[in-house]
Amino acid sequence: VQLQASGGGLVQSGGSMGLSCTASGSDFRTNEGGWYRQAPGNQRELVARMFGDDTTVYTNYPVAVKGRFTISRDNAKNTIYLEMKDLKPEDTAVYYCNFHRRSDDYDFWGQGTEVTVSS
């Protein structure tokens, strides 16, 4: 599985930004997709996760981003998105797209895209 992420950049506090990640080699629809972030000196942490088929889709978010971040999926494009609003300086990090392959619990990672929120 190869992942190609796009988006990111510099945004002011309170602003919005979107990220996207396209997978090739396997489908997000039958596996799990997510976004993680890693700030300098910190461990990589989950910010959004999505799984489920066309009938029922599940998402989960940590408290720090719940209500501000939204993960979505376009099955036709095999792409997941992360919409971020009301961004805060503490959201500054490198954001990584994740593809979790269910068959063997193997994780694939995108190249990382930097998000900087200025105060």
PDB file of N, CA and C in Angstrom:
ATOM      1  N   VAL A   1       0.848  -1.187   0.000  1.00  0.00           N
ATOM      2  CA  VAL A   1       0.000   0.000   0.000  1.00  0.00           C
ATOM      3  C   VAL A   1       0.887   1.241   0.000  1.00  0.00           C
ATOM      4  N   GLN A   2       0.545   2.152  -0.887  1.00  0.00           N
ATOM      5  CA  GLN A   2       1.250   3.441  -0.909  1.00  0.00           C
ATOM      6  C   GLN A   2       0.261   4.546  -0.612  1.00  0.00           C
ATOM      7  N   LEU A   3       0.719   5.512   0.151  1.00  0.00           N
ATOM      8  CA  LEU A   3      -0.139   6.611   0.561  1.00  0.00           C
ATOM      9  C   LEU A   3       0.466   7.924   0.082  1.00  0.00           C
ATOM     10  N   GLN A   4      -0.386   8.762  -0.470  1.00  0.00           N
ATOM     11  CA  GLN A   4       0.042  10.080  -0.919  1.00  0.00           C
ATOM     12  C   GLN A   4      -0.818  11.129  -0.236  1.00  0.00           C
ATOM     13  N   ALA A   5      -0.202  11.869   0.664  1.00  0.00           N
ATOM     14  CA  ALA A   5      -0.923  12.892   1.409  1.00  0.00           C
ATOM     15  C   ALA A   5      -0.672  14.262   0.801  1.00  0.00           C
ATOM     16  N   SER A   6      -1.635  15.130   0.975  1.00  0.00           N
ATOM     17  CA  SER A   6      -1.486  16.504   0.519  1.00  0.00           C
ATOM     18  C   SER A   6      -2.219  17.422   1.464  1.00  0.00           C
ATOM     19  N   GLY A   7      -1.895  18.694   1.353  1.00  0.00           N
ATOM     20  CA  GLY A   7      -2.462  19.685   2.244  1.00  0.00           C
ATOM     21  C   GLY A   7      -1.416  20.136   3.237  1.00  0.00           C
ATOM     22  N   GLY A   8      -1.866  20.845   4.246  1.00  0.00           N
ATOM     23  CA  GLY A   8      -0.944  21.343   5.247  1.00  0.00           C
ATOM     24  C   GLY A   8      -0.426  22.717   4.886  1.00  0.00           C
ATOM     25  N   GLY A   9       0.355  23.267   5.792  1.00  0.00           N
ATOM     26  CA  GLY A   9       0.903  24.598   5.593  1.00  0.00           C
ATOM     27  C   GLY A   9       0.726  25.434   6.828  1.00  0.00           C
ATOM     28  N   LEU A  10       0.670  26.742   6.617  1.00  0.00           N
ATOM     29  CA  LEU A  10       0.576  27.692   7.722  1.00  0.00           C
ATOM     30  C   LEU A  10      -0.821  28.291   7.775  1.00  0.00           C
ATOM     31  N   VAL A  11      -1.374  28.348   8.971  1.00  0.00           N
ATOM     32  CA  VAL A  11      -2.705  28.921   9.164  1.00  0.00           C
ATOM     33  C   VAL A  11      -2.708  29.675  10.486  1.00  0.00           C
ATOM     34  N   GLN A  12      -3.537  30.679  10.564  1.00  0.00           N
ATOM     35  CA  GLN A  12      -3.639  31.438  11.811  1.00  0.00           C
ATOM     36  C   GLN A  12      -4.541  30.731  12.793  1.00  0.00           C
ATOM     37  N   SER A  13      -4.324  30.999  14.046  1.00  0.00           N
ATOM     38  CA  SER A  13      -5.165  30.428  15.090  1.00  0.00           C
ATOM     39  C   SER A  13      -6.628  30.777  14.826  1.00  0.00           C
ATOM     40  N   GLY A  14      -7.484  29.759  14.970  1.00  0.00           N
ATOM     41  CA  GLY A  14      -8.902  29.935  14.680  1.00  0.00           C
ATOM     42  C   GLY A  14      -9.284  29.615  13.256  1.00  0.00           C
ATOM     43  N   GLY A  15      -8.296  29.393  12.439  1.00  0.00           N
ATOM     44  CA  GLY A  15      -8.536  29.105  11.031  1.00  0.00           C
ATOM     45  C   GLY A  15      -8.843  27.644  10.773  1.00  0.00           C
ATOM     46  N   SER A  16      -8.989  27.328   9.492  1.00  0.00           N
ATOM     47  CA  SER A  16      -9.334  25.965   9.070  1.00  0.00           C
ATOM     48  C   SER A  16      -8.343  25.479   8.021  1.00  0.00           C
ATOM     49  N   MET A  17      -8.257  24.162   7.928  1.00  0.00           N
ATOM     50  CA  MET A  17      -7.356  23.556   6.951  1.00  0.00           C
ATOM     51  C   MET A  17      -7.807  22.136   6.672  1.00  0.00           C
ATOM     52  N   GLY A  18      -7.548  21.673   5.453  1.00  0.00           N
ATOM     53  CA  GLY A  18      -7.899  20.309   5.091  1.00  0.00           C
ATOM     54  C   GLY A  18      -6.702  19.523   4.603  1.00  0.00           C
ATOM     55  N   LEU A  19      -6.699  18.256   4.937  1.00  0.00           N
ATOM     56  CA  LEU A  19      -5.679  17.328   4.468  1.00  0.00           C
ATOM     57  C   LEU A  19      -6.369  16.200   3.699  1.00  0.00           C
ATOM     58  N   SER A  20      -5.656  15.623   2.753  1.00  0.00           N
ATOM     59  CA  SER A  20      -6.189  14.464   2.050  1.00  0.00           C
ATOM     60  C   SER A  20      -5.102  13.411   1.906  1.00  0.00           C
ATOM     61  N   CYS A  21      -5.535  12.183   1.735  1.00  0.00           N
ATOM     62  CA  CYS A  21      -4.604  11.062   1.613  1.00  0.00           C
ATOM     63  C   CYS A  21      -5.208  10.011   0.701  1.00  0.00           C
ATOM     64  N   THR A  22      -4.531   9.734  -0.388  1.00  0.00           N
ATOM     65  CA  THR A  22      -5.000   8.750  -1.350  1.00  0.00           C
ATOM     66  C   THR A  22      -4.157   7.489  -1.247  1.00  0.00           C
ATOM     67  N   ALA A  23      -4.839   6.359  -1.194  1.00  0.00           N
ATOM     68  CA  ALA A  23      -4.158   5.078  -1.097  1.00  0.00           C
ATOM     69  C   ALA A  23      -4.181   4.359  -2.435  1.00  0.00           C
ATOM     70  N   SER A  24      -3.125   3.637  -2.707  1.00  0.00           N
ATOM     71  CA  SER A  24      -3.081   2.742  -3.860  1.00  0.00           C
ATOM     72  C   SER A  24      -2.588   1.390  -3.378  1.00  0.00           C
ATOM     73  N   GLY A  25      -3.174   0.341  -3.941  1.00  0.00           N
ATOM     74  CA  GLY A  25      -2.779  -1.003  -3.567  1.00  0.00           C
ATOM     75  C   GLY A  25      -3.770  -1.730  -2.700  1.00  0.00           C
ATOM     76  N   SER A  26      -4.626  -0.988  -2.017  1.00  0.00           N
ATOM     77  CA  SER A  26      -5.685  -1.585  -1.213  1.00  0.00           C
ATOM     78  C   SER A  26      -6.702  -0.494  -0.907  1.00  0.00           C
ATOM     79  N   ASP A  27      -7.857  -0.912  -0.406  1.00  0.00           N
ATOM     80  CA  ASP A  27      -8.958   0.018  -0.207  1.00  0.00           C
ATOM     81  C   ASP A  27      -9.116   0.443   1.244  1.00  0.00           C
ATOM     82  N   PHE A  28      -9.313   1.731   1.443  1.00  0.00           N
ATOM     83  CA  PHE A  28      -9.682   2.213   2.772  1.00  0.00           C
ATOM     84  C   PHE A  28     -11.004   1.603   3.220  1.00  0.00           C
ATOM     85  N   ARG A  29     -11.915   1.390   2.283  1.00  0.00           N
ATOM     86  CA  ARG A  29     -13.275   0.953   2.628  1.00  0.00           C
ATOM     87  C   ARG A  29     -13.271  -0.364   3.399  1.00  0.00           C
ATOM     88  N   THR A  30     -12.367  -1.259   3.075  1.00  0.00           N
ATOM     89  CA  THR A  30     -12.337  -2.566   3.731  1.00  0.00           C
ATOM     90  C   THR A  30     -11.236  -2.679   4.784  1.00  0.00           C
ATOM     91  N   ASN A  31     -10.631  -1.571   5.051  1.00  0.00           N
ATOM     92  CA  ASN A  31      -9.592  -1.534   6.087  1.00  0.00           C
ATOM     93  C   ASN A  31      -9.879  -0.350   7.014  1.00  0.00           C
ATOM     94  N   GLU A  32      -8.882   0.196   7.601  1.00  0.00           N
ATOM     95  CA  GLU A  32      -9.064   1.338   8.490  1.00  0.00           C
ATOM     96  C   GLU A  32      -8.145   2.462   8.064  1.00  0.00           C
ATOM     97  N   GLY A  33      -8.685   3.677   8.097  1.00  0.00           N
ATOM     98  CA  GLY A  33      -7.881   4.846   7.775  1.00  0.00           C
ATOM     99  C   GLY A  33      -7.843   5.803   8.943  1.00  0.00           C
ATOM    100  N   GLY A  34      -6.777   6.534   9.031  1.00  0.00           N
ATOM    101  CA  GLY A  34      -6.691   7.467  10.142  1.00  0.00           C
ATOM    102  C   GLY A  34      -5.637   8.528   9.917  1.00  0.00           C
ATOM    103  N   TRP A  35      -5.655   9.467  10.834  1.00  0.00           N
ATOM    104  CA  TRP A  35      -4.666  10.534  10.848  1.00  0.00           C
ATOM    105  C   TRP A  35      -4.031  10.586  12.232  1.00  0.00           C
ATOM    106  N   TYR A  36      -2.739  10.740  12.228  1.00  0.00           N
ATOM    107  CA  TYR A  36      -1.969  10.902  13.454  1.00  0.00           C
ATOM    108  C   TYR A  36      -1.146  12.174  13.322  1.00  0.00           C
ATOM    109  N   ARG A  37      -0.634  12.634  14.433  1.00  0.00           N
ATOM    110  CA  ARG A  37       0.240  13.802  14.382  1.00  0.00           C
ATOM    111  C   ARG A  37       1.371  13.633  15.391  1.00  0.00           C
ATOM    112  N   GLN A  38       2.447  14.325  15.097  1.00  0.00           N
ATOM    113  CA  GLN A  38       3.594  14.283  16.000  1.00  0.00           C
ATOM    114  C   GLN A  38       4.201  15.671  16.064  1.00  0.00           C
ATOM    115  N   ALA A  39       4.174  16.237  17.255  1.00  0.00           N
ATOM    116  CA  ALA A  39       4.795  17.530  17.498  1.00  0.00           C
ATOM    117  C   ALA A  39       6.225  17.295  17.991  1.00  0.00           C
ATOM    118  N   PRO A  40       7.098  18.270  17.818  1.00  0.00           N
ATOM    119  CA  PRO A  40       8.493  18.099  18.263  1.00  0.00           C
ATOM    120  C   PRO A  40       8.564  17.715  19.735  1.00  0.00           C
ATOM    121  N   GLY A  41       9.304  16.658  20.011  1.00  0.00           N
ATOM    122  CA  GLY A  41       9.476  16.211  21.383  1.00  0.00           C
ATOM    123  C   GLY A  41       8.355  15.356  21.915  1.00  0.00           C
ATOM    124  N   ASN A  42       7.335  15.160  21.099  1.00  0.00           N
ATOM    125  CA  ASN A  42       6.171  14.368  21.539  1.00  0.00           C
ATOM    126  C   ASN A  42       6.079  13.063  20.770  1.00  0.00           C
ATOM    127  N   GLN A  43       5.322  12.137  21.307  1.00  0.00           N
ATOM    128  CA  GLN A  43       5.052  10.896  20.610  1.00  0.00           C
ATOM    129  C   GLN A  43       3.969  11.115  19.557  1.00  0.00           C
ATOM    130  N   ARG A  44       3.937  10.238  18.604  1.00  0.00           N
ATOM    131  CA  ARG A  44       2.879  10.298  17.593  1.00  0.00           C
ATOM    132  C   ARG A  44       1.565   9.945  18.266  1.00  0.00           C
ATOM    133  N   GLU A  45       0.528  10.718  17.964  1.00  0.00           N
ATOM    134  CA  GLU A  45      -0.767  10.488  18.590  1.00  0.00           C
ATOM    135  C   GLU A  45      -1.870  10.482  17.544  1.00  0.00           C
ATOM    136  N   LEU A  46      -2.911   9.729  17.855  1.00  0.00           N
ATOM    137  CA  LEU A  46      -4.068   9.627  16.983  1.00  0.00           C
ATOM    138  C   LEU A  46      -4.870  10.920  17.049  1.00  0.00           C
ATOM    139  N   VAL A  47      -5.336  11.389  15.883  1.00  0.00           N
ATOM    140  CA  VAL A  47      -6.271  12.510  15.875  1.00  0.00           C
ATOM    141  C   VAL A  47      -7.614  12.157  15.255  1.00  0.00           C
ATOM    142  N   ALA A  48      -7.660  11.128  14.427  1.00  0.00           N
ATOM    143  CA  ALA A  48      -8.932  10.717  13.844  1.00  0.00           C
ATOM    144  C   ALA A  48      -8.775   9.338  13.225  1.00  0.00           C
ATOM    145  N   ARG A  49      -9.850   8.568  13.306  1.00  0.00           N
ATOM    146  CA  ARG A  49      -9.802   7.206  12.774  1.00  0.00           C
ATOM    147  C   ARG A  49     -11.172   6.860  12.203  1.00  0.00           C
ATOM    148  N   MET A  50     -11.164   6.115  11.121  1.00  0.00           N
ATOM    149  CA  MET A  50     -12.410   5.753  10.474  1.00  0.00           C
ATOM    150  C   MET A  50     -12.335   4.315  10.015  1.00  0.00           C
ATOM    151  N   PHE A  51     -13.428   3.575  10.209  1.00  0.00           N
ATOM    152  CA  PHE A  51     -13.496   2.220   9.690  1.00  0.00           C
ATOM    153  C   PHE A  51     -14.959   1.855   9.487  1.00  0.00           C
ATOM    154  N   GLY A  52     -15.179   0.812   8.678  1.00  0.00           N
ATOM    155  CA  GLY A  52     -16.539   0.399   8.399  1.00  0.00           C
ATOM    156  C   GLY A  52     -16.779   0.320   6.913  1.00  0.00           C
ATOM    157  N   ASP A  53     -17.864  -0.343   6.545  1.00  0.00           N
ATOM    158  CA  ASP A  53     -18.176  -0.521   5.138  1.00  0.00           C
ATOM    159  C   ASP A  53     -19.123   0.581   4.682  1.00  0.00           C
ATOM    160  N   ASP A  54     -19.787   0.371   3.573  1.00  0.00           N
ATOM    161  CA  ASP A  54     -20.660   1.409   3.033  1.00  0.00           C
ATOM    162  C   ASP A  54     -21.924   1.603   3.873  1.00  0.00           C
ATOM    163  N   THR A  55     -22.290   0.583   4.633  1.00  0.00           N
ATOM    164  CA  THR A  55     -23.527   0.672   5.415  1.00  0.00           C
ATOM    165  C   THR A  55     -23.321   1.447   6.713  1.00  0.00           C
ATOM    166  N   THR A  56     -22.296   1.105   7.402  1.00  0.00           N
ATOM    167  CA  THR A  56     -22.036   1.726   8.697  1.00  0.00           C
ATOM    168  C   THR A  56     -20.567   2.120   8.784  1.00  0.00           C
ATOM    169  N   VAL A  57     -20.336   3.366   9.076  1.00  0.00           N
ATOM    170  CA  VAL A  57     -18.974   3.875   9.209  1.00  0.00           C
ATOM    171  C   VAL A  57     -18.793   4.376  10.639  1.00  0.00           C
ATOM    172  N   TYR A  58     -17.693   4.021  11.224  1.00  0.00           N
ATOM    173  CA  TYR A  58     -17.373   4.450  12.583  1.00  0.00           C
ATOM    174  C   TYR A  58     -16.203   5.413  12.538  1.00  0.00           C
ATOM    175  N   THR A  59     -16.282   6.387  13.409  1.00  0.00           N
ATOM    176  CA  THR A  59     -15.162   7.313  13.557  1.00  0.00           C
ATOM    177  C   THR A  59     -14.872   7.497  15.033  1.00  0.00           C
ATOM    178  N   ASN A  60     -13.642   7.804  15.343  1.00  0.00           N
ATOM    179  CA  ASN A  60     -13.355   8.204  16.713  1.00  0.00           C
ATOM    180  C   ASN A  60     -12.242   9.238  16.742  1.00  0.00           C
ATOM    181  N   TYR A  61     -12.334  10.076  17.752  1.00  0.00           N
ATOM    182  CA  TYR A  61     -11.434  11.217  17.906  1.00  0.00           C
ATOM    183  C   TYR A  61     -11.035  11.337  19.373  1.00  0.00           C
ATOM    184  N   PRO A  62      -9.835  11.773  19.642  1.00  0.00           N
ATOM    185  CA  PRO A  62      -9.481  12.072  21.028  1.00  0.00           C
ATOM    186  C   PRO A  62     -10.152  13.371  21.465  1.00  0.00           C
ATOM    187  N   VAL A  63     -10.220  13.557  22.739  1.00  0.00           N
ATOM    188  CA  VAL A  63     -10.900  14.719  23.311  1.00  0.00           C
ATOM    189  C   VAL A  63     -10.315  16.024  22.782  1.00  0.00           C
ATOM    190  N   ALA A  64      -9.018  16.047  22.574  1.00  0.00           N
ATOM    191  CA  ALA A  64      -8.337  17.288  22.190  1.00  0.00           C
ATOM    192  C   ALA A  64      -8.834  17.863  20.873  1.00  0.00           C
ATOM    193  N   VAL A  65      -9.368  17.012  19.994  1.00  0.00           N
ATOM    194  CA  VAL A  65      -9.784  17.494  18.673  1.00  0.00           C
ATOM    195  C   VAL A  65     -11.257  17.266  18.397  1.00  0.00           C
ATOM    196  N   LYS A  66     -11.935  16.558  19.253  1.00  0.00           N
ATOM    197  CA  LYS A  66     -13.342  16.229  19.019  1.00  0.00           C
ATOM    198  C   LYS A  66     -14.167  17.501  18.885  1.00  0.00           C
ATOM    199  N   GLY A  67     -14.977  17.532  17.843  1.00  0.00           N
ATOM    200  CA  GLY A  67     -15.792  18.709  17.568  1.00  0.00           C
ATOM    201  C   GLY A  67     -15.102  19.707  16.665  1.00  0.00           C
ATOM    202  N   ARG A  68     -13.801  19.581  16.497  1.00  0.00           N
ATOM    203  CA  ARG A  68     -13.065  20.498  15.627  1.00  0.00           C
ATOM    204  C   ARG A  68     -12.529  19.793  14.370  1.00  0.00           C
ATOM    205  N   PHE A  69     -12.196  18.523  14.490  1.00  0.00           N
ATOM    206  CA  PHE A  69     -11.649  17.764  13.368  1.00  0.00           C
ATOM    207  C   PHE A  69     -12.702  16.774  12.874  1.00  0.00           C
ATOM    208  N   THR A  70     -12.724  16.573  11.568  1.00  0.00           N
ATOM    209  CA  THR A  70     -13.651  15.611  10.973  1.00  0.00           C
ATOM    210  C   THR A  70     -12.925  14.790   9.925  1.00  0.00           C
ATOM    211  N   ILE A  71     -12.999  13.494  10.079  1.00  0.00           N
ATOM    212  CA  ILE A  71     -12.429  12.588   9.082  1.00  0.00           C
ATOM    213  C   ILE A  71     -13.552  12.103   8.179  1.00  0.00           C
ATOM    214  N   SER A  72     -13.249  11.986   6.904  1.00  0.00           N
ATOM    215  CA  SER A  72     -14.240  11.493   5.946  1.00  0.00           C
ATOM    216  C   SER A  72     -13.526  10.664   4.889  1.00  0.00           C
ATOM    217  N   ARG A  73     -14.342  10.022   4.071  1.00  0.00           N
ATOM    218  CA  ARG A  73     -13.767   9.103   3.092  1.00  0.00           C
ATOM    219  C   ARG A  73     -14.531   9.186   1.785  1.00  0.00           C
ATOM    220  N   ASP A  74     -13.808   9.121   0.690  1.00  0.00           N
ATOM    221  CA  ASP A  74     -14.401   9.023  -0.642  1.00  0.00           C
ATOM    222  C   ASP A  74     -13.963   7.677  -1.208  1.00  0.00           C
ATOM    223  N   ASN A  75     -14.885   6.727  -1.223  1.00  0.00           N
ATOM    224  CA  ASN A  75     -14.523   5.377  -1.667  1.00  0.00           C
ATOM    225  C   ASN A  75     -14.122   5.352  -3.130  1.00  0.00           C
ATOM    226  N   ALA A  76     -14.776   6.126  -3.947  1.00  0.00           N
ATOM    227  CA  ALA A  76     -14.475   6.135  -5.377  1.00  0.00           C
ATOM    228  C   ALA A  76     -13.048   6.598  -5.642  1.00  0.00           C
ATOM    229  N   LYS A  77     -12.569   7.508  -4.814  1.00  0.00           N
ATOM    230  CA  LYS A  77     -11.214   8.018  -4.970  1.00  0.00           C
ATOM    231  C   LYS A  77     -10.213   7.311  -4.058  1.00  0.00           C
ATOM    232  N   ASN A  78     -10.743   6.415  -3.210  1.00  0.00           N
ATOM    233  CA  ASN A  78      -9.901   5.721  -2.229  1.00  0.00           C
ATOM    234  C   ASN A  78      -9.058   6.724  -1.447  1.00  0.00           C
ATOM    235  N   THR A  79      -9.751   7.725  -0.969  1.00  0.00           N
ATOM    236  CA  THR A  79      -9.100   8.858  -0.308  1.00  0.00           C
ATOM    237  C   THR A  79      -9.787   9.168   1.008  1.00  0.00           C
ATOM    238  N   ILE A  80      -8.997   9.481   2.012  1.00  0.00           N
ATOM    239  CA  ILE A  80      -9.544   9.988   3.263  1.00  0.00           C
ATOM    240  C   ILE A  80      -9.144  11.445   3.420  1.00  0.00           C
ATOM    241  N   TYR A  81      -9.970  12.141   4.167  1.00  0.00           N
ATOM    242  CA  TYR A  81      -9.758  13.568   4.358  1.00  0.00           C
ATOM    243  C   TYR A  81      -9.775  13.888   5.854  1.00  0.00           C
ATOM    244  N   LEU A  82      -9.116  14.951   6.195  1.00  0.00           N
ATOM    245  CA  LEU A  82      -9.195  15.471   7.550  1.00  0.00           C
ATOM    246  C   LEU A  82      -9.480  16.961   7.438  1.00  0.00           C
ATOM    247  N   GLU A  83     -10.673  17.335   7.873  1.00  0.00           N
ATOM    248  CA  GLU A  83     -11.026  18.740   7.914  1.00  0.00           C
ATOM    249  C   GLU A  83     -10.801  19.241   9.331  1.00  0.00           C
ATOM    250  N   MET A  84     -10.038  20.290   9.460  1.00  0.00           N
ATOM    251  CA  MET A  84      -9.694  20.838  10.774  1.00  0.00           C
ATOM    252  C   MET A  84     -10.190  22.273  10.858  1.00  0.00           C
ATOM    253  N   LYS A  85     -10.915  22.577  11.898  1.00  0.00           N
ATOM    254  CA  LYS A  85     -11.400  23.937  12.090  1.00  0.00           C
ATOM    255  C   LYS A  85     -11.042  24.404  13.495  1.00  0.00           C
ATOM    256  N   ASP A  86     -11.174  25.719  13.686  1.00  0.00           N
ATOM    257  CA  ASP A  86     -10.841  26.300  14.985  1.00  0.00           C
ATOM    258  C   ASP A  86      -9.459  25.833  15.446  1.00  0.00           C
ATOM    259  N   LEU A  87      -8.516  25.919  14.547  1.00  0.00           N
ATOM    260  CA  LEU A  87      -7.177  25.423  14.847  1.00  0.00           C
ATOM    261  C   LEU A  87      -6.502  26.258  15.921  1.00  0.00           C
ATOM    262  N   LYS A  88      -5.688  25.582  16.716  1.00  0.00           N
ATOM    263  CA  LYS A  88      -4.991  26.203  17.829  1.00  0.00           C
ATOM    264  C   LYS A  88      -3.487  25.984  17.658  1.00  0.00           C
ATOM    265  N   PRO A  89      -2.683  26.840  18.267  1.00  0.00           N
ATOM    266  CA  PRO A  89      -1.228  26.656  18.153  1.00  0.00           C
ATOM    267  C   PRO A  89      -0.778  25.253  18.585  1.00  0.00           C
ATOM    268  N   GLU A  90      -1.468  24.664  19.536  1.00  0.00           N
ATOM    269  CA  GLU A  90      -1.088  23.323  19.995  1.00  0.00           C
ATOM    270  C   GLU A  90      -1.424  22.231  18.983  1.00  0.00           C
ATOM    271  N   ASP A  91      -2.120  22.582  17.905  1.00  0.00           N
ATOM    272  CA  ASP A  91      -2.362  21.624  16.821  1.00  0.00           C
ATOM    273  C   ASP A  91      -1.177  21.561  15.857  1.00  0.00           C
ATOM    274  N   THR A  92      -0.207  22.432  16.058  1.00  0.00           N
ATOM    275  CA  THR A  92       0.985  22.428  15.215  1.00  0.00           C
ATOM    276  C   THR A  92       1.733  21.108  15.348  1.00  0.00           C
ATOM    277  N   ALA A  93       1.963  20.457  14.217  1.00  0.00           N
ATOM    278  CA  ALA A  93       2.611  19.152  14.215  1.00  0.00           C
ATOM    279  C   ALA A  93       2.792  18.691  12.776  1.00  0.00           C
ATOM    280  N   VAL A  94       3.491  17.591  12.640  1.00  0.00           N
ATOM    281  CA  VAL A  94       3.505  16.885  11.363  1.00  0.00           C
ATOM    282  C   VAL A  94       2.378  15.861  11.402  1.00  0.00           C
ATOM    283  N   TYR A  95       1.527  15.894  10.415  1.00  0.00           N
ATOM    284  CA  TYR A  95       0.356  15.011  10.357  1.00  0.00           C
ATOM    285  C   TYR A  95       0.640  13.861   9.387  1.00  0.00           C
ATOM    286  N   TYR A  96       0.316  12.675   9.847  1.00  0.00           N
ATOM    287  CA  TYR A  96       0.586  11.461   9.075  1.00  0.00           C
ATOM    288  C   TYR A  96      -0.720  10.730   8.772  1.00  0.00           C
ATOM    289  N   CYS A  97      -0.854  10.351   7.525  1.00  0.00           N
ATOM    290  CA  CYS A  97      -1.960   9.489   7.117  1.00  0.00           C
ATOM    291  C   CYS A  97      -1.594   8.044   7.470  1.00  0.00           C
ATOM    292  N   ASN A  98      -2.583   7.308   7.934  1.00  0.00           N
ATOM    293  CA  ASN A  98      -2.372   5.909   8.309  1.00  0.00           C
ATOM    294  C   ASN A  98      -3.353   4.996   7.606  1.00  0.00           C
ATOM    295  N   PHE A  99      -2.841   3.879   7.126  1.00  0.00           N
ATOM    296  CA  PHE A  99      -3.682   2.819   6.553  1.00  0.00           C
ATOM    297  C   PHE A  99      -3.421   1.568   7.383  1.00  0.00           C
ATOM    298  N   HIS A 100      -4.447   1.101   8.063  1.00  0.00           N
ATOM    299  CA  HIS A 100      -4.318  -0.092   8.897  1.00  0.00           C
ATOM    300  C   HIS A 100      -4.948  -1.265   8.168  1.00  0.00           C
ATOM    301  N   ARG A 101      -4.092  -2.204   7.768  1.00  0.00           N
ATOM    302  CA  ARG A 101      -4.575  -3.364   7.035  1.00  0.00           C
ATOM    303  C   ARG A 101      -5.100  -4.408   8.013  1.00  0.00           C
ATOM    304  N   ARG A 102      -6.361  -4.711   7.892  1.00  0.00           N
ATOM    305  CA  ARG A 102      -7.031  -5.585   8.852  1.00  0.00           C
ATOM    306  C   ARG A 102      -6.537  -7.026   8.788  1.00  0.00           C
ATOM    307  N   SER A 103      -6.159  -7.477   7.610  1.00  0.00           N
ATOM    308  CA  SER A 103      -5.818  -8.892   7.455  1.00  0.00           C
ATOM    309  C   SER A 103      -4.655  -9.307   8.342  1.00  0.00           C
ATOM    310  N   ASP A 104      -3.724  -8.409   8.591  1.00  0.00           N
ATOM    311  CA  ASP A 104      -2.564  -8.760   9.408  1.00  0.00           C
ATOM    312  C   ASP A 104      -2.169  -7.661  10.398  1.00  0.00           C
ATOM    313  N   ASP A 105      -3.057  -6.685  10.591  1.00  0.00           N
ATOM    314  CA  ASP A 105      -2.800  -5.588  11.533  1.00  0.00           C
ATOM    315  C   ASP A 105      -1.512  -4.836  11.208  1.00  0.00           C
ATOM    316  N   TYR A 106      -1.248  -4.697   9.929  1.00  0.00           N
ATOM    317  CA  TYR A 106      -0.043  -3.982   9.531  1.00  0.00           C
ATOM    318  C   TYR A 106      -0.417  -2.529   9.225  1.00  0.00           C
ATOM    319  N   ASP A 107       0.437  -1.619   9.635  1.00  0.00           N
ATOM    320  CA  ASP A 107       0.207  -0.200   9.415  1.00  0.00           C
ATOM    321  C   ASP A 107       1.122   0.350   8.326  1.00  0.00           C
ATOM    322  N   PHE A 108       0.522   1.122   7.435  1.00  0.00           N
ATOM    323  CA  PHE A 108       1.256   1.868   6.426  1.00  0.00           C
ATOM    324  C   PHE A 108       1.129   3.355   6.757  1.00  0.00           C
ATOM    325  N   TRP A 109       2.171   4.106   6.433  1.00  0.00           N
ATOM    326  CA  TRP A 109       2.185   5.530   6.771  1.00  0.00           C
ATOM    327  C   TRP A 109       2.484   6.386   5.552  1.00  0.00           C
ATOM    328  N   GLY A 110       1.806   7.514   5.507  1.00  0.00           N
ATOM    329  CA  GLY A 110       2.113   8.499   4.496  1.00  0.00           C
ATOM    330  C   GLY A 110       3.380   9.251   4.869  1.00  0.00           C
ATOM    331  N   GLN A 111       3.777  10.158   4.007  1.00  0.00           N
ATOM    332  CA  GLN A 111       5.067  10.828   4.171  1.00  0.00           C
ATOM    333  C   GLN A 111       5.052  11.929   5.214  1.00  0.00           C
ATOM    334  N   GLY A 112       3.893  12.298   5.702  1.00  0.00           N
ATOM    335  CA  GLY A 112       3.816  13.363   6.705  1.00  0.00           C
ATOM    336  C   GLY A 112       3.691  14.712   6.043  1.00  0.00           C
ATOM    337  N   THR A 113       2.813  15.523   6.586  1.00  0.00           N
ATOM    338  CA  THR A 113       2.628  16.871   6.071  1.00  0.00           C
ATOM    339  C   THR A 113       2.552  17.827   7.259  1.00  0.00           C
ATOM    340  N   GLU A 114       3.246  18.924   7.144  1.00  0.00           N
ATOM    341  CA  GLU A 114       3.384  19.819   8.280  1.00  0.00           C
ATOM    342  C   GLU A 114       2.231  20.813   8.348  1.00  0.00           C
ATOM    343  N   VAL A 115       1.695  20.953   9.538  1.00  0.00           N
ATOM    344  CA  VAL A 115       0.656  21.944   9.821  1.00  0.00           C
ATOM    345  C   VAL A 115       1.189  22.866  10.913  1.00  0.00           C
ATOM    346  N   THR A 116       1.214  24.142  10.623  1.00  0.00           N
ATOM    347  CA  THR A 116       1.687  25.128  11.587  1.00  0.00           C
ATOM    348  C   THR A 116       0.582  26.136  11.839  1.00  0.00           C
ATOM    349  N   VAL A 117       0.219  26.276  13.105  1.00  0.00           N
ATOM    350  CA  VAL A 117      -0.826  27.221  13.494  1.00  0.00           C
ATOM    351  C   VAL A 117      -0.168  28.357  14.262  1.00  0.00           C
ATOM    352  N   SER A 118      -0.258  29.538  13.714  1.00  0.00           N
ATOM    353  CA  SER A 118       0.356  30.692  14.360  1.00  0.00           C
ATOM    354  C   SER A 118      -0.642  31.355  15.303  1.00  0.00           C
ATOM    355  N   SER A 119      -0.113  31.892  16.377  1.00  0.00           N
ATOM    356  CA  SER A 119      -0.996  32.519  17.383  1.00  0.00           C
ATOM    357  C   SER A 119      -1.225  33.986  17.074  1.00  0.00           C
TER     358      SER A 119
END
